[in-house]
Amino acid sequence: MVKVGVVGGGSWGTTIANHMALKGINVDLWV
């Protein structure tokens, strides 16, 4: 199981987190 953390909820951070989540990766987004 892969878990990724993305720091920064701006446009790029949200886009990257959303892209990974759509591929089935568990993502935590810190704003």
PDB file of N, CA and C in Angstrom:
ATOM      1  N   MET A   1       0.845  -1.183   0.000  1.00  0.00           N
ATOM      2  CA  MET A   1       0.000   0.000   0.000  1.00  0.00           C
ATOM      3  C   MET A   1       0.886   1.240   0.000  1.00  0.00           C
ATOM      4  N   VAL A   2       0.614   2.125  -0.900  1.00  0.00           N
ATOM      5  CA  VAL A   2       1.383   3.360  -1.018  1.00  0.00           C
ATOM      6  C   VAL A   2       0.594   4.484  -0.358  1.00  0.00           C
ATOM      7  N   LYS A   3       1.293   5.293   0.436  1.00  0.00           N
ATOM      8  CA  LYS A   3       0.666   6.458   1.052  1.00  0.00           C
ATOM      9  C   LYS A   3       1.566   7.655   0.779  1.00  0.00           C
ATOM     10  N   VAL A   4       0.975   8.735   0.290  1.00  0.00           N
ATOM     11  CA  VAL A   4       1.731   9.923  -0.093  1.00  0.00           C
ATOM     12  C   VAL A   4       1.181  11.122   0.660  1.00  0.00           C
ATOM     13  N   GLY A   5       2.066  12.008   1.078  1.00  0.00           N
ATOM     14  CA  GLY A   5       1.657  13.270   1.679  1.00  0.00           C
ATOM     15  C   GLY A   5       2.042  14.411   0.758  1.00  0.00           C
ATOM     16  N   VAL A   6       1.114  15.330   0.550  1.00  0.00           N
ATOM     17  CA  VAL A   6       1.373  16.510  -0.280  1.00  0.00           C
ATOM     18  C   VAL A   6       1.230  17.729   0.621  1.00  0.00           C
ATOM     19  N   VAL A   7       2.284  18.522   0.708  1.00  0.00           N
ATOM     20  CA  VAL A   7       2.262  19.730   1.524  1.00  0.00           C
ATOM     21  C   VAL A   7       1.989  20.914   0.616  1.00  0.00           C
ATOM     22  N   GLY A   8       0.910  21.627   0.887  1.00  0.00           N
ATOM     23  CA  GLY A   8       0.532  22.791   0.094  1.00  0.00           C
ATOM     24  C   GLY A   8      -0.729  22.512  -0.696  1.00  0.00           C
ATOM     25  N   GLY A   9      -1.770  23.259  -0.397  1.00  0.00           N
ATOM     26  CA  GLY A   9      -3.058  23.039  -1.041  1.00  0.00           C
ATOM     27  C   GLY A   9      -3.355  24.033  -2.139  1.00  0.00           C
ATOM     28  N   GLY A  10      -2.313  24.574  -2.749  1.00  0.00           N
ATOM     29  CA  GLY A  10      -2.528  25.488  -3.874  1.00  0.00           C
ATOM     30  C   GLY A  10      -2.948  24.707  -5.106  1.00  0.00           C
ATOM     31  N   SER A  11      -2.912  25.355  -6.238  1.00  0.00           N
ATOM     32  CA  SER A  11      -3.394  24.703  -7.459  1.00  0.00           C
ATOM     33  C   SER A  11      -2.563  23.468  -7.819  1.00  0.00           C
ATOM     34  N   TRP A  12      -1.235  23.555  -7.714  1.00  0.00           N
ATOM     35  CA  TRP A  12      -0.401  22.397  -8.064  1.00  0.00           C
ATOM     36  C   TRP A  12      -0.512  21.287  -7.038  1.00  0.00           C
ATOM     37  N   GLY A  13      -0.509  21.633  -5.753  1.00  0.00           N
ATOM     38  CA  GLY A  13      -0.623  20.615  -4.711  1.00  0.00           C
ATOM     39  C   GLY A  13      -1.929  19.853  -4.808  1.00  0.00           C
ATOM     40  N   THR A  14      -3.021  20.573  -5.038  1.00  0.00           N
ATOM     41  CA  THR A  14      -4.332  19.942  -5.170  1.00  0.00           C
ATOM     42  C   THR A  14      -4.398  19.077  -6.418  1.00  0.00           C
ATOM     43  N   THR A  15      -3.834  19.560  -7.508  1.00  0.00           N
ATOM     44  CA  THR A  15      -3.839  18.795  -8.756  1.00  0.00           C
ATOM     45  C   THR A  15      -3.052  17.498  -8.614  1.00  0.00           C
ATOM     46  N   ILE A  16      -1.876  17.574  -8.023  1.00  0.00           N
ATOM     47  CA  ILE A  16      -1.050  16.376  -7.840  1.00  0.00           C
ATOM     48  C   ILE A  16      -1.739  15.387  -6.906  1.00  0.00           C
ATOM     49  N   ALA A  17      -2.304  15.886  -5.793  1.00  0.00           N
ATOM     50  CA  ALA A  17      -2.999  15.007  -4.852  1.00  0.00           C
ATOM     51  C   ALA A  17      -4.198  14.343  -5.515  1.00  0.00           C
ATOM     52  N   ASN A  18      -4.960  15.094  -6.286  1.00  0.00           N
ATOM     53  CA  ASN A  18      -6.129  14.546  -6.975  1.00  0.00           C
ATOM     54  C   ASN A  18      -5.710  13.497  -8.004  1.00  0.00           C
ATOM     55  N   HIS A  19      -4.666  13.767  -8.751  1.00  0.00           N
ATOM     56  CA  HIS A  19      -4.180  12.833  -9.772  1.00  0.00           C
ATOM     57  C   HIS A  19      -3.776  11.499  -9.137  1.00  0.00           C
ATOM     58  N   MET A  20      -3.037  11.574  -8.026  1.00  0.00           N
ATOM     59  CA  MET A  20      -2.615  10.348  -7.357  1.00  0.00           C
ATOM     60  C   MET A  20      -3.802   9.608  -6.750  1.00  0.00           C
ATOM     61  N   ALA A  21      -4.746  10.335  -6.176  1.00  0.00           N
ATOM     62  CA  ALA A  21      -5.925   9.703  -5.578  1.00  0.00           C
ATOM     63  C   ALA A  21      -6.754   8.979  -6.635  1.00  0.00           C
ATOM     64  N   LEU A  22      -6.868   9.556  -7.819  1.00  0.00           N
ATOM     65  CA  LEU A  22      -7.618   8.906  -8.890  1.00  0.00           C
ATOM     66  C   LEU A  22      -6.951   7.610  -9.351  1.00  0.00           C
ATOM     67  N   LYS A  23      -5.645   7.502  -9.116  1.00  0.00           N
ATOM     68  CA  LYS A  23      -4.921   6.279  -9.468  1.00  0.00           C
ATOM     69  C   LYS A  23      -4.943   5.259  -8.334  1.00  0.00           C
ATOM     70  N   GLY A  24      -5.672   5.552  -7.256  1.00  0.00           N
ATOM     71  CA  GLY A  24      -5.825   4.603  -6.157  1.00  0.00           C
ATOM     72  C   GLY A  24      -4.800   4.729  -5.051  1.00  0.00           C
ATOM     73  N   ILE A  25      -4.008   5.801  -5.066  1.00  0.00           N
ATOM     74  CA  ILE A  25      -2.994   6.014  -4.037  1.00  0.00           C
ATOM     75  C   ILE A  25      -3.633   6.787  -2.885  1.00  0.00           C
ATOM     76  N   ASN A  26      -3.334   6.351  -1.656  1.00  0.00           N
ATOM     77  CA  ASN A  26      -3.845   7.025  -0.468  1.00  0.00           C
ATOM     78  C   ASN A  26      -3.051   8.321  -0.267  1.00  0.00           C
ATOM     79  N   VAL A  27      -3.730   9.461  -0.297  1.00  0.00           N
ATOM     80  CA  VAL A  27      -3.061  10.764  -0.259  1.00  0.00           C
ATOM     81  C   VAL A  27      -3.562  11.587   0.922  1.00  0.00           C
ATOM     82  N   ASP A  28      -2.627  12.201   1.650  1.00  0.00           N
ATOM     83  CA  ASP A  28      -2.944  13.200   2.667  1.00  0.00           C
ATOM     84  C   ASP A  28      -2.513  14.549   2.122  1.00  0.00           C
ATOM     85  N   LEU A  29      -3.415  15.520   2.171  1.00  0.00           N
ATOM     86  CA  LEU A  29      -3.120  16.872   1.671  1.00  0.00           C
ATOM     87  C   LEU A  29      -3.098  17.829   2.851  1.00  0.00           C
ATOM     88  N   TRP A  30      -1.937  18.424   3.105  1.00  0.00           N
ATOM     89  CA  TRP A  30      -1.793  19.397   4.179  1.00  0.00           C
ATOM     90  C   TRP A  30      -1.808  20.799   3.589  1.00  0.00           C
ATOM     91  N   VAL A  31      -2.709  21.605   4.093  1.00  0.00           N
ATOM     92  CA  VAL A  31      -2.863  22.975   3.594  1.00  0.00           C
ATOM     93  C   VAL A  31      -2.154  23.927   4.523  1.00  0.00           C
TER      94      VAL A  31
END
